[in-house]
C-alpha atoms as a PDB file:
ATOM      1  CA  UNK A   1      12.022 -30.701 -18.248  1.00  0.00           C
ATOM      2  CA  UNK A   2       9.208 -32.489 -16.461  1.00  0.00           C
ATOM      3  CA  UNK A   3       8.781 -36.256 -16.700  1.00  0.00           C
ATOM      4  CA  UNK A   4       5.010 -35.997 -17.146  1.00  0.00           C
ATOM      5  CA  UNK A   5       4.318 -33.746 -20.129  1.00  0.00           C
ATOM      6  CA  UNK A   6       5.783 -30.719 -21.833  1.00  0.00           C
ATOM      7  CA  UNK A   7       2.829 -28.541 -20.854  1.00  0.00           C
ATOM      8  CA  UNK A   8       3.940 -28.698 -17.233  1.00  0.00           C
ATOM      9  CA  UNK A   9       7.519 -27.697 -17.958  1.00  0.00           C
ATOM     10  CA  UNK A  10       8.581 -24.391 -16.398  1.00  0.00           C
ATOM     11  CA  UNK A  11       8.796 -21.346 -18.606  1.00  0.00           C
ATOM     12  CA  UNK A  12      11.817 -19.109 -18.788  1.00  0.00           C
ATOM     13  CA  UNK A  13       9.989 -16.557 -16.657  1.00  0.00           C
ATOM     14  CA  UNK A  14       9.354 -19.161 -13.933  1.00  0.00           C
ATOM     15  CA  UNK A  15      13.035 -20.076 -13.802  1.00  0.00           C
ATOM     16  CA  UNK A  16      14.056 -16.413 -13.681  1.00  0.00           C
ATOM     17  CA  UNK A  17      11.659 -15.796 -10.819  1.00  0.00           C
ATOM     18  CA  UNK A  18      13.055 -18.714  -8.839  1.00  0.00           C
ATOM     19  CA  UNK A  19      16.598 -17.496  -9.388  1.00  0.00           C
ATOM     20  CA  UNK A  20      15.670 -13.920  -8.450  1.00  0.00           C
ATOM     21  CA  UNK A  21      13.962 -15.077  -5.228  1.00  0.00           C
ATOM     22  CA  UNK A  22      16.951 -17.317  -4.380  1.00  0.00           C
ATOM     23  CA  UNK A  23      14.963 -20.527  -4.236  1.00  0.00           C
ATOM     24  CA  UNK A  24      18.137 -22.473  -5.077  1.00  0.00           C
ATOM     25  CA  UNK A  25      20.293 -21.013  -2.278  1.00  0.00           C
ATOM     26  CA  UNK A  26      20.910 -23.475   0.541  1.00  0.00           C
ATOM     27  CA  UNK A  27      22.996 -23.404   3.709  1.00  0.00           C
ATOM     28  CA  UNK A  28      26.431 -24.618   4.735  1.00  0.00           C
ATOM     29  CA  UNK A  29      24.849 -27.585   6.499  1.00  0.00           C
ATOM     30  CA  UNK A  30      23.553 -30.576   4.569  1.00  0.00           C
ATOM     31  CA  UNK A  31      21.323 -33.301   5.926  1.00  0.00           C
ATOM     32  CA  UNK A  32      21.859 -36.755   4.518  1.00  0.00           C
ATOM     33  CA  UNK A  33      18.173 -36.926   3.543  1.00  0.00           C
ATOM     34  CA  UNK A  34      18.570 -33.914   1.234  1.00  0.00           C
ATOM     35  CA  UNK A  35      21.701 -35.054  -0.572  1.00  0.00           C
ATOM     36  CA  UNK A  36      19.754 -36.298  -3.606  1.00  0.00           C
ATOM     37  CA  UNK A  37      18.320 -32.801  -4.225  1.00  0.00           C
ATOM     38  CA  UNK A  38      21.644 -30.937  -4.290  1.00  0.00           C
ATOM     39  CA  UNK A  39      23.277 -29.675  -7.448  1.00  0.00           C
ATOM     40  CA  UNK A  40      26.710 -28.501  -6.257  1.00  0.00           C
ATOM     41  CA  UNK A  41      28.582 -26.765  -3.466  1.00  0.00           C
ATOM     42  CA  UNK A  42      30.045 -23.313  -3.946  1.00  0.00           C
ATOM     43  CA  UNK A  43      33.540 -22.255  -2.910  1.00  0.00           C
ATOM     44  CA  UNK A  44      32.164 -20.489   0.177  1.00  0.00           C
ATOM     45  CA  UNK A  45      30.522 -23.711   1.384  1.00  0.00           C
ATOM     46  CA  UNK A  46      26.928 -22.893   0.382  1.00  0.00           C
ATOM     47  CA  UNK A  47      24.991 -25.804  -1.104  1.00  0.00           C
ATOM     48  CA  UNK A  48      22.877 -25.102  -4.196  1.00  0.00           C
ATOM     49  CA  UNK A  49      19.556 -26.847  -4.790  1.00  0.00           C
ATOM     50  CA  UNK A  50      18.768 -28.445  -8.144  1.00  0.00           C
ATOM     51  CA  UNK A  51      15.811 -26.455  -9.532  1.00  0.00           C
ATOM     52  CA  UNK A  52      14.981 -29.282 -11.947  1.00  0.00           C
ATOM     53  CA  UNK A  53      14.134 -31.555  -9.027  1.00  0.00           C
ATOM     54  CA  UNK A  54      12.404 -28.706  -7.223  1.00  0.00           C
ATOM     55  CA  UNK A  55      10.027 -28.255 -10.142  1.00  0.00           C
ATOM     56  CA  UNK A  56       9.369 -31.998 -10.433  1.00  0.00           C
ATOM     57  CA  UNK A  57       8.419 -32.294  -6.768  1.00  0.00           C
ATOM     58  CA  UNK A  58       6.305 -29.142  -7.049  1.00  0.00           C
ATOM     59  CA  UNK A  59       4.285 -30.718  -9.875  1.00  0.00           C
ATOM     60  CA  UNK A  60       3.885 -33.916  -7.864  1.00  0.00           C
ATOM     61  CA  UNK A  61       2.630 -31.976  -4.839  1.00  0.00           C
ATOM     62  CA  UNK A  62       0.126 -30.064  -6.991  1.00  0.00           C
ATOM     63  CA  UNK A  63      -1.250 -33.348  -8.358  1.00  0.00           C
ATOM     64  CA  UNK A  64      -1.639 -34.663  -4.813  1.00  0.00           C
ATOM     65  CA  UNK A  65      -3.534 -31.537  -3.736  1.00  0.00           C
ATOM     66  CA  UNK A  66      -5.812 -31.564  -6.782  1.00  0.00           C
ATOM     67  CA  UNK A  67      -6.680 -35.223  -6.144  1.00  0.00           C
ATOM     68  CA  UNK A  68      -8.412 -34.359  -2.853  1.00  0.00           C
ATOM     69  CA  UNK A  69     -12.141 -34.113  -3.522  1.00  0.00           C
ATOM     70  CA  UNK A  70     -13.074 -31.764  -0.691  1.00  0.00           C
ATOM     71  CA  UNK A  71     -10.915 -28.641  -0.897  1.00  0.00           C
ATOM     72  CA  UNK A  72     -11.304 -27.912   2.820  1.00  0.00           C
ATOM     73  CA  UNK A  73      -9.665 -31.251   3.703  1.00  0.00           C
ATOM     74  CA  UNK A  74      -6.303 -29.801   2.655  1.00  0.00           C
ATOM     75  CA  UNK A  75      -4.638 -28.102   5.634  1.00  0.00           C
ATOM     76  CA  UNK A  76      -1.824 -25.589   5.125  1.00  0.00           C
ATOM     77  CA  UNK A  77       0.294 -24.525   8.102  1.00  0.00           C
ATOM     78  CA  UNK A  78       2.976 -21.933   8.723  1.00  0.00           C
ATOM     79  CA  UNK A  79       4.207 -21.020  12.188  1.00  0.00           C
ATOM     80  CA  UNK A  80       6.942 -18.799  10.768  1.00  0.00           C
ATOM     81  CA  UNK A  81       5.784 -15.188  10.198  1.00  0.00           C
ATOM     82  CA  UNK A  82       7.304 -15.036   6.705  1.00  0.00           C
ATOM     83  CA  UNK A  83       4.964 -17.769   5.478  1.00  0.00           C
ATOM     84  CA  UNK A  84       1.738 -16.801   7.243  1.00  0.00           C
ATOM     85  CA  UNK A  85       0.531 -14.414   4.556  1.00  0.00           C
ATOM     86  CA  UNK A  86       1.342 -16.917   1.807  1.00  0.00           C
ATOM     87  CA  UNK A  87      -0.590 -19.629   3.644  1.00  0.00           C
ATOM     88  CA  UNK A  88      -3.659 -17.412   3.991  1.00  0.00           C
ATOM     89  CA  UNK A  89      -3.537 -16.447   0.301  1.00  0.00           C
ATOM     90  CA  UNK A  90      -3.135 -20.075  -0.744  1.00  0.00           C
ATOM     91  CA  UNK A  91      -6.153 -21.073   1.339  1.00  0.00           C
ATOM     92  CA  UNK A  92      -8.164 -18.186  -0.102  1.00  0.00           C
ATOM     93  CA  UNK A  93      -7.600 -19.148  -3.743  1.00  0.00           C
ATOM     94  CA  UNK A  94      -7.695 -22.939  -3.392  1.00  0.00           C
ATOM     95  CA  UNK A  95     -10.311 -23.339  -0.653  1.00  0.00           C
ATOM     96  CA  UNK A  96      -7.941 -25.080   1.762  1.00  0.00           C
ATOM     97  CA  UNK A  97      -7.929 -24.734   5.548  1.00  0.00           C
ATOM     98  CA  UNK A  98      -5.192 -22.415   6.843  1.00  0.00           C
ATOM     99  CA  UNK A  99      -3.539 -22.463  10.264  1.00  0.00           C
ATOM    100  CA  UNK A 100      -1.194 -19.486  10.551  1.00  0.00           C
ATOM    101  CA  UNK A 101       0.784 -18.716  13.661  1.00  0.00           C
ATOM    102  CA  UNK A 102       1.056 -20.983  16.664  1.00  0.00           C
ATOM    103  CA  UNK A 103      -0.273 -24.509  16.200  1.00  0.00           C
ATOM    104  CA  UNK A 104      -2.342 -25.739  19.134  1.00  0.00           C
ATOM    105  CA  UNK A 105      -1.142 -29.181  20.195  1.00  0.00           C
ATOM    106  CA  UNK A 106      -3.831 -31.817  19.833  1.00  0.00           C
ATOM    107  CA  UNK A 107      -5.552 -30.248  16.829  1.00  0.00           C
ATOM    108  CA  UNK A 108      -5.193 -33.514  14.879  1.00  0.00           C
ATOM    109  CA  UNK A 109      -5.333 -35.994  17.765  1.00  0.00           C
ATOM    110  CA  UNK A 110      -7.488 -34.612  20.610  1.00  0.00           C
ATOM    111  CA  UNK A 111     -11.166 -34.977  19.711  1.00  0.00           C
ATOM    112  CA  UNK A 112     -12.303 -33.067  22.804  1.00  0.00           C
ATOM    113  CA  UNK A 113     -10.613 -29.939  21.529  1.00  0.00           C
ATOM    114  CA  UNK A 114     -12.887 -27.282  20.050  1.00  0.00           C
ATOM    115  CA  UNK A 115     -10.786 -26.828  16.880  1.00  0.00           C
ATOM    116  CA  UNK A 116     -10.219 -30.510  16.237  1.00  0.00           C
ATOM    117  CA  UNK A 117      -9.909 -31.319  12.507  1.00  0.00           C
ATOM    118  CA  UNK A 118      -9.056 -34.414  10.491  1.00  0.00           C
ATOM    119  CA  UNK A 119      -7.338 -33.268   7.291  1.00  0.00           C
ATOM    120  CA  UNK A 120      -6.677 -35.620   4.402  1.00  0.00           C
ATOM    121  CA  UNK A 121      -3.530 -33.769   3.328  1.00  0.00           C
ATOM    122  CA  UNK A 122      -1.094 -31.552   5.210  1.00  0.00           C
ATOM    123  CA  UNK A 123       1.244 -28.923   3.712  1.00  0.00           C
ATOM    124  CA  UNK A 124       4.005 -27.370   5.832  1.00  0.00           C
ATOM    125  CA  UNK A 125       6.302 -24.404   5.264  1.00  0.00           C
ATOM    126  CA  UNK A 126       9.200 -25.700   7.382  1.00  0.00           C
ATOM    127  CA  UNK A 127       9.413 -29.192   8.951  1.00  0.00           C
ATOM    128  CA  UNK A 128      11.590 -27.855  11.767  1.00  0.00           C
ATOM    129  CA  UNK A 129       9.333 -24.955  12.780  1.00  0.00           C
ATOM    130  CA  UNK A 130       6.144 -26.958  12.190  1.00  0.00           C
ATOM    131  CA  UNK A 131       7.362 -30.046  14.001  1.00  0.00           C
ATOM    132  CA  UNK A 132       4.241 -30.385  16.176  1.00  0.00           C
ATOM    133  CA  UNK A 133       1.696 -30.790  13.331  1.00  0.00           C
ATOM    134  CA  UNK A 134       4.198 -32.975  11.491  1.00  0.00           C
ATOM    135  CA  UNK A 135       4.412 -35.342  14.456  1.00  0.00           C
ATOM    136  CA  UNK A 136       0.644 -35.415  14.949  1.00  0.00           C
ATOM    137  CA  UNK A 137       0.135 -36.162  11.246  1.00  0.00           C
ATOM    138  CA  UNK A 138       2.222 -39.303  11.712  1.00  0.00           C
ATOM    139  CA  UNK A 139      -0.151 -40.403  14.497  1.00  0.00           C
ATOM    140  CA  UNK A 140      -3.197 -39.779  12.286  1.00  0.00           C
ATOM    141  CA  UNK A 141      -1.559 -41.325   9.207  1.00  0.00           C
ATOM    142  CA  UNK A 142      -2.003 -38.103   7.203  1.00  0.00           C
ATOM    143  CA  UNK A 143       0.089 -37.575   4.036  1.00  0.00           C
ATOM    144  CA  UNK A 144       2.415 -34.582   4.402  1.00  0.00           C
ATOM    145  CA  UNK A 145       3.977 -32.195   1.898  1.00  0.00           C
ATOM    146  CA  UNK A 146       6.736 -29.849   3.090  1.00  0.00           C
ATOM    147  CA  UNK A 147       9.138 -27.269   1.701  1.00  0.00           C
ATOM    148  CA  UNK A 148      12.512 -28.562   2.850  1.00  0.00           C
ATOM    149  CA  UNK A 149      15.840 -26.773   3.091  1.00  0.00           C
ATOM    150  CA  UNK A 150      19.268 -28.377   2.841  1.00  0.00           C
ATOM    151  CA  UNK A 151      19.506 -28.936   6.602  1.00  0.00           C
ATOM    152  CA  UNK A 152      15.989 -30.352   7.128  1.00  0.00           C
ATOM    153  CA  UNK A 153      15.333 -33.978   8.032  1.00  0.00           C
ATOM    154  CA  UNK A 154      12.633 -35.781   6.078  1.00  0.00           C
ATOM    155  CA  UNK A 155      11.158 -37.800   8.928  1.00  0.00           C
ATOM    156  CA  UNK A 156       7.358 -38.164   8.512  1.00  0.00           C
ATOM    157  CA  UNK A 157       7.501 -36.134   5.255  1.00  0.00           C
ATOM    158  CA  UNK A 158       5.895 -37.935   2.313  1.00  0.00           C
ATOM    159  CA  UNK A 159       6.617 -35.364  -0.418  1.00  0.00           C
ATOM    160  CA  UNK A 160       9.583 -33.031   0.104  1.00  0.00           C
ATOM    161  CA  UNK A 161       9.885 -29.973  -2.130  1.00  0.00           C
ATOM    162  CA  UNK A 162      13.531 -28.837  -1.990  1.00  0.00           C
ATOM    163  CA  UNK A 163      13.576 -25.049  -1.718  1.00  0.00           C
ATOM    164  CA  UNK A 164      14.876 -22.201   0.368  1.00  0.00           C
ATOM    165  CA  UNK A 165      12.346 -21.917   3.198  1.00  0.00           C
ATOM    166  CA  UNK A 166      14.263 -19.243   5.119  1.00  0.00           C
ATOM    167  CA  UNK A 167      13.867 -16.305   2.702  1.00  0.00           C
ATOM    168  CA  UNK A 168      10.532 -14.475   2.602  1.00  0.00           C
ATOM    169  CA  UNK A 169      10.574 -14.017  -1.174  1.00  0.00           C
ATOM    170  CA  UNK A 170      11.427 -17.652  -1.765  1.00  0.00           C
ATOM    171  CA  UNK A 171       8.608 -18.835   0.500  1.00  0.00           C
ATOM    172  CA  UNK A 172       6.080 -16.536  -1.147  1.00  0.00           C
ATOM    173  CA  UNK A 173       7.094 -17.570  -4.665  1.00  0.00           C
ATOM    174  CA  UNK A 174       6.912 -21.298  -3.921  1.00  0.00           C
ATOM    175  CA  UNK A 175       3.424 -20.998  -2.429  1.00  0.00           C
ATOM    176  CA  UNK A 176       2.362 -18.898  -5.429  1.00  0.00           C
ATOM    177  CA  UNK A 177       3.684 -21.446  -7.930  1.00  0.00           C
ATOM    178  CA  UNK A 178       2.014 -24.294  -6.050  1.00  0.00           C
ATOM    179  CA  UNK A 179      -1.296 -22.436  -5.903  1.00  0.00           C
ATOM    180  CA  UNK A 180      -1.177 -21.611  -9.610  1.00  0.00           C
ATOM    181  CA  UNK A 181      -0.435 -25.205 -10.599  1.00  0.00           C
ATOM    182  CA  UNK A 182      -3.260 -26.550  -8.427  1.00  0.00           C
ATOM    183  CA  UNK A 183      -5.746 -24.181 -10.065  1.00  0.00           C
ATOM    184  CA  UNK A 184      -4.481 -25.154 -13.511  1.00  0.00           C
ATOM    185  CA  UNK A 185      -4.867 -28.877 -12.825  1.00  0.00           C
ATOM    186  CA  UNK A 186      -8.381 -28.308 -11.521  1.00  0.00           C
ATOM    187  CA  UNK A 187      -9.186 -26.357 -14.672  1.00  0.00           C
ATOM    188  CA  UNK A 188     -10.092 -23.144 -12.867  1.00  0.00           C
ATOM    189  CA  UNK A 189      -7.540 -21.069 -14.794  1.00  0.00           C
ATOM    190  CA  UNK A 190      -6.161 -21.712 -18.313  1.00  0.00           C
ATOM    191  CA  UNK A 191      -2.620 -22.938 -18.701  1.00  0.00           C
ATOM    192  CA  UNK A 192      -1.808 -20.933 -21.815  1.00  0.00           C
ATOM    193  CA  UNK A 193      -2.410 -17.525 -20.185  1.00  0.00           C
ATOM    194  CA  UNK A 194      -0.564 -15.977 -17.234  1.00  0.00           C
ATOM    195  CA  UNK A 195      -2.288 -15.880 -13.869  1.00  0.00           C
ATOM    196  CA  UNK A 196      -3.667 -12.417 -13.092  1.00  0.00           C
ATOM    197  CA  UNK A 197      -2.763 -12.675  -9.379  1.00  0.00           C
ATOM    198  CA  UNK A 198       0.604 -11.070  -8.654  1.00  0.00           C
ATOM    199  CA  UNK A 199       3.212 -12.964  -6.680  1.00  0.00           C
ATOM    200  CA  UNK A 200       3.679  -9.909  -4.456  1.00  0.00           C
ATOM    201  CA  UNK A 201       0.438 -10.778  -2.638  1.00  0.00           C
ATOM    202  CA  UNK A 202       2.131 -13.906  -1.242  1.00  0.00           C
ATOM    203  CA  UNK A 203       5.186 -12.045   0.078  1.00  0.00           C
ATOM    204  CA  UNK A 204       5.535 -11.206   3.735  1.00  0.00           C
ATOM    205  CA  UNK A 205       5.117  -7.506   4.558  1.00  0.00           C
ATOM    206  CA  UNK A 206       6.460  -6.018   7.749  1.00  0.00           C
ATOM    207  CA  UNK A 207       4.052  -3.715   9.590  1.00  0.00           C
ATOM    208  CA  UNK A 208       6.697  -1.012  10.034  1.00  0.00           C
ATOM    209  CA  UNK A 209       7.526  -1.106   6.323  1.00  0.00           C
ATOM    210  CA  UNK A 210       3.847  -0.856   5.425  1.00  0.00           C
ATOM    211  CA  UNK A 211       3.355   2.194   7.668  1.00  0.00           C
ATOM    212  CA  UNK A 212       6.483   3.833   6.225  1.00  0.00           C
ATOM    213  CA  UNK A 213       5.243   3.253   2.677  1.00  0.00           C
ATOM    214  CA  UNK A 214       1.869   4.796   3.530  1.00  0.00           C
ATOM    215  CA  UNK A 215       3.604   7.877   4.968  1.00  0.00           C
ATOM    216  CA  UNK A 216       5.729   8.262   1.834  1.00  0.00           C
ATOM    217  CA  UNK A 217       2.644   7.968  -0.370  1.00  0.00           C
ATOM    218  CA  UNK A 218       0.856  10.659   1.654  1.00  0.00           C
ATOM    219  CA  UNK A 219       3.854  12.989   1.401  1.00  0.00           C
ATOM    220  CA  UNK A 220       4.094  12.455  -2.352  1.00  0.00           C
ATOM    221  CA  UNK A 221       0.370  13.091  -2.730  1.00  0.00           C
ATOM    222  CA  UNK A 222       0.600  16.303  -0.693  1.00  0.00           C
ATOM    223  CA  UNK A 223       3.589  17.488  -2.727  1.00  0.00           C
ATOM    224  CA  UNK A 224       1.710  16.818  -5.970  1.00  0.00           C
ATOM    225  CA  UNK A 225      -1.304  18.783  -4.753  1.00  0.00           C
ATOM    226  CA  UNK A 226       0.939  21.698  -3.716  1.00  0.00           C
ATOM    227  CA  UNK A 227       2.630  21.813  -7.109  1.00  0.00           C
ATOM    228  CA  UNK A 228      -0.733  21.705  -8.881  1.00  0.00           C
ATOM    229  CA  UNK A 229      -2.016  24.592  -6.746  1.00  0.00           C
ATOM    230  CA  UNK A 230       1.133  26.619  -7.451  1.00  0.00           C
ATOM    231  CA  UNK A 231       0.713  26.088 -11.184  1.00  0.00           C
ATOM    232  CA  UNK A 232      -2.894  27.292 -11.097  1.00  0.00           C
ATOM    233  CA  UNK A 233      -2.035  30.483  -9.144  1.00  0.00           C
ATOM    234  CA  UNK A 234       0.801  31.604 -11.423  1.00  0.00           C
ATOM    235  CA  UNK A 235       0.203  34.480 -13.920  1.00  0.00           C
ATOM    236  CA  UNK A 236      -0.666  33.372 -17.451  1.00  0.00           C
ATOM    237  CA  UNK A 237       2.153  33.177 -19.934  1.00  0.00           C
ATOM    238  CA  UNK A 238       0.430  35.744 -22.220  1.00  0.00           C
ATOM    239  CA  UNK A 239       0.786  38.481 -19.570  1.00  0.00           C
ATOM    240  CA  UNK A 240       2.843  41.466 -20.789  1.00  0.00           C
ATOM    241  CA  UNK A 241       4.661  43.818 -18.464  1.00  0.00           C
ATOM    242  CA  UNK A 242       3.946  46.733 -20.757  1.00  0.00           C
ATOM    243  CA  UNK A 243       0.259  46.244 -20.143  1.00  0.00           C
ATOM    244  CA  UNK A 244       0.789  46.752 -16.433  1.00  0.00           C
ATOM    245  CA  UNK A 245       2.723  49.986 -17.022  1.00  0.00           C
ATOM    246  CA  UNK A 246       0.007  51.318 -19.320  1.00  0.00           C
ATOM    247  CA  UNK A 247      -2.635  50.376 -16.799  1.00  0.00           C
ATOM    248  CA  UNK A 248      -0.708  52.259 -14.095  1.00  0.00           C
ATOM    249  CA  UNK A 249      -0.247  55.249 -16.373  1.00  0.00           C
ATOM    250  CA  UNK A 250      -3.992  55.597 -16.842  1.00  0.00           C
ATOM    251  CA  UNK A 251      -4.595  55.857 -13.125  1.00  0.00           C
ATOM    252  CA  UNK A 252      -7.544  57.883 -11.956  1.00  0.00           C
ATOM    253  CA  UNK A 253      -5.536  59.880  -9.417  1.00  0.00           C
ATOM    254  CA  UNK A 254      -5.479  63.020 -11.550  1.00  0.00           C
ATOM    255  CA  UNK A 255      -9.198  62.845 -12.211  1.00  0.00           C
ATOM    256  CA  UNK A 256      -9.874  62.382  -8.517  1.00  0.00           C
ATOM    257  CA  UNK A 257      -7.786  65.518  -7.787  1.00  0.00           C
ATOM    258  CA  UNK A 258      -9.648  67.509 -10.414  1.00  0.00           C
ATOM    259  CA  UNK A 259     -12.991  66.549  -8.946  1.00  0.00           C
ATOM    260  CA  UNK A 260     -11.768  67.513  -5.459  1.00  0.00           C
ATOM    261  CA  UNK A 261     -10.662  70.986  -6.680  1.00  0.00           C
ATOM    262  CA  UNK A 262     -14.009  71.653  -8.358  1.00  0.00           C
ATOM    263  CA  UNK A 263     -15.852  70.680  -5.188  1.00  0.00           C
ATOM    264  CA  UNK A 264     -13.706  73.066  -3.092  1.00  0.00           C
ATOM    265  CA  UNK A 265     -14.358  75.986  -5.469  1.00  0.00           C
ATOM    266  CA  UNK A 266     -18.112  75.406  -5.284  1.00  0.00           C
ATOM    267  CA  UNK A 267     -18.019  75.416  -1.477  1.00  0.00           C
ATOM    268  CA  UNK A 268     -16.065  78.699  -1.418  1.00  0.00           C
ATOM    269  CA  UNK A 269     -18.585  80.313  -3.768  1.00  0.00           C
ATOM    270  CA  UNK A 270     -21.457  79.375  -1.496  1.00  0.00           C
ATOM    271  CA  UNK A 271     -19.678  80.797   1.551  1.00  0.00           C
ATOM    272  CA  UNK A 272     -18.976  84.125  -0.210  1.00  0.00           C
ATOM    273  CA  UNK A 273     -22.589  84.700  -1.319  1.00  0.00           C
ATOM    274  CA  UNK A 274     -24.443  87.717   0.358  1.00  0.00           C
ATOM    275  CA  UNK A 275     -26.595  86.901   3.352  1.00  0.00           C
ATOM    276  CA  UNK A 276     -29.312  89.447   2.548  1.00  0.00           C
ATOM    277  CA  UNK A 277     -31.617  86.832   1.250  1.00  0.00           C
ATOM    278  CA  UNK A 278     -31.037  84.534   4.169  1.00  0.00           C
ATOM    279  CA  UNK A 279     -33.332  84.475   7.195  1.00  0.00           C
ATOM    280  CA  UNK A 280     -31.410  84.646  10.459  1.00  0.00           C
ATOM    281  CA  UNK A 281     -33.957  83.678  13.022  1.00  0.00           C
ATOM    282  CA  UNK A 282     -31.937  80.889  14.501  1.00  0.00           C
ATOM    283  CA  UNK A 283     -30.379  80.517  17.910  1.00  0.00           C
ATOM    284  CA  UNK A 284     -27.315  82.559  16.892  1.00  0.00           C
ATOM    285  CA  UNK A 285     -29.382  85.707  16.259  1.00  0.00           C
ATOM    286  CA  UNK A 286     -30.308  86.269  19.909  1.00  0.00           C
ATOM    287  CA  UNK A 287     -26.818  86.774  21.292  1.00  0.00           C
ATOM    288  CA  UNK A 288     -26.106  89.321  18.537  1.00  0.00           C
ATOM    289  CA  UNK A 289     -29.142  91.390  19.565  1.00  0.00           C
ATOM    290  CA  UNK A 290     -28.304  91.108  23.246  1.00  0.00           C
ATOM    291  CA  UNK A 291     -24.776  92.251  22.699  1.00  0.00           C
ATOM    292  CA  UNK A 292     -25.852  95.746  21.499  1.00  0.00           C
ATOM    293  CA  UNK A 293     -26.900  97.954  24.501  1.00  0.00           C
ATOM    294  CA  UNK A 294     -30.274  99.692  24.314  1.00  0.00           C
ATOM    295  CA  UNK A 295     -30.203 103.454  23.537  1.00  0.00           C
ATOM    296  CA  UNK A 296     -31.263 105.694  26.421  1.00  0.00           C
ATOM    297  CA  UNK A 297     -34.400 107.759  25.818  1.00  0.00           C
ATOM    298  CA  UNK A 298     -33.846 111.454  25.218  1.00  0.00           C
ATOM    299  CA  UNK A 299     -34.797 113.824  28.155  1.00  0.00           C
ATOM    300  CA  UNK A 300     -36.956 116.826  27.457  1.00  0.00           C
ATOM    301  CA  UNK A 301     -36.332 119.930  29.385  1.00  0.00           C
END
């Protein structure tokens, strides 16, 4: 498919990924600069991008990036939120300089500015959103690569990669493919084995969605722990109900009653024993003696 060599041709998996991420889906508006990259127009008015030309321009852009000696001289920019994570990941794996978010005017032209840089190559996510760095690159005579949609103008763009730059999955996939090809050309990863970095790392993730996913994971983890605890507290399967009835039948209630009756009989026997052998010199003996009146002495006449 490629005009360079068969080793750089896309695999069936690459084409399926581009179709699944809707890289080929355009808009109802078509700029005259992008006419050469169109394949056809659907009945609903949507223009479709030719993926053959998309892959060719992607290979050309990767060769341009790999030709830069100093990796930090490549500057990647994305002012759109959907491409900021992809830009940071691309810079992390290739060693490029990333500018995500708002671009400060004068970064390429004002030498007094604290963050002034002079890149040798510029890569943009959207020429319309990143119009300020694109214009400044023309002043500094810096080559520019950009992902261009059907309605984008190609002014000041040296290498246009036709792709859908309005869908978050499409943007993430294109940055991932470009990063992988750059590493393959540099020889950092082999071409005959798949890259171990997942494309999901280049996709934009909403903060609310991330928090919701974390909550769902916590709930699932708590439910799993509860089910495990319930399984451990249940009676074993070998338990027999007849054993419980036998255990209840052999209760010690009768024996306790028998012991209580024997104790009561012993206490009654002690109480009925004669008190002749007992010494009654306690406090209760005095009132008994005082209760009996003394006998009057007999008078003698």
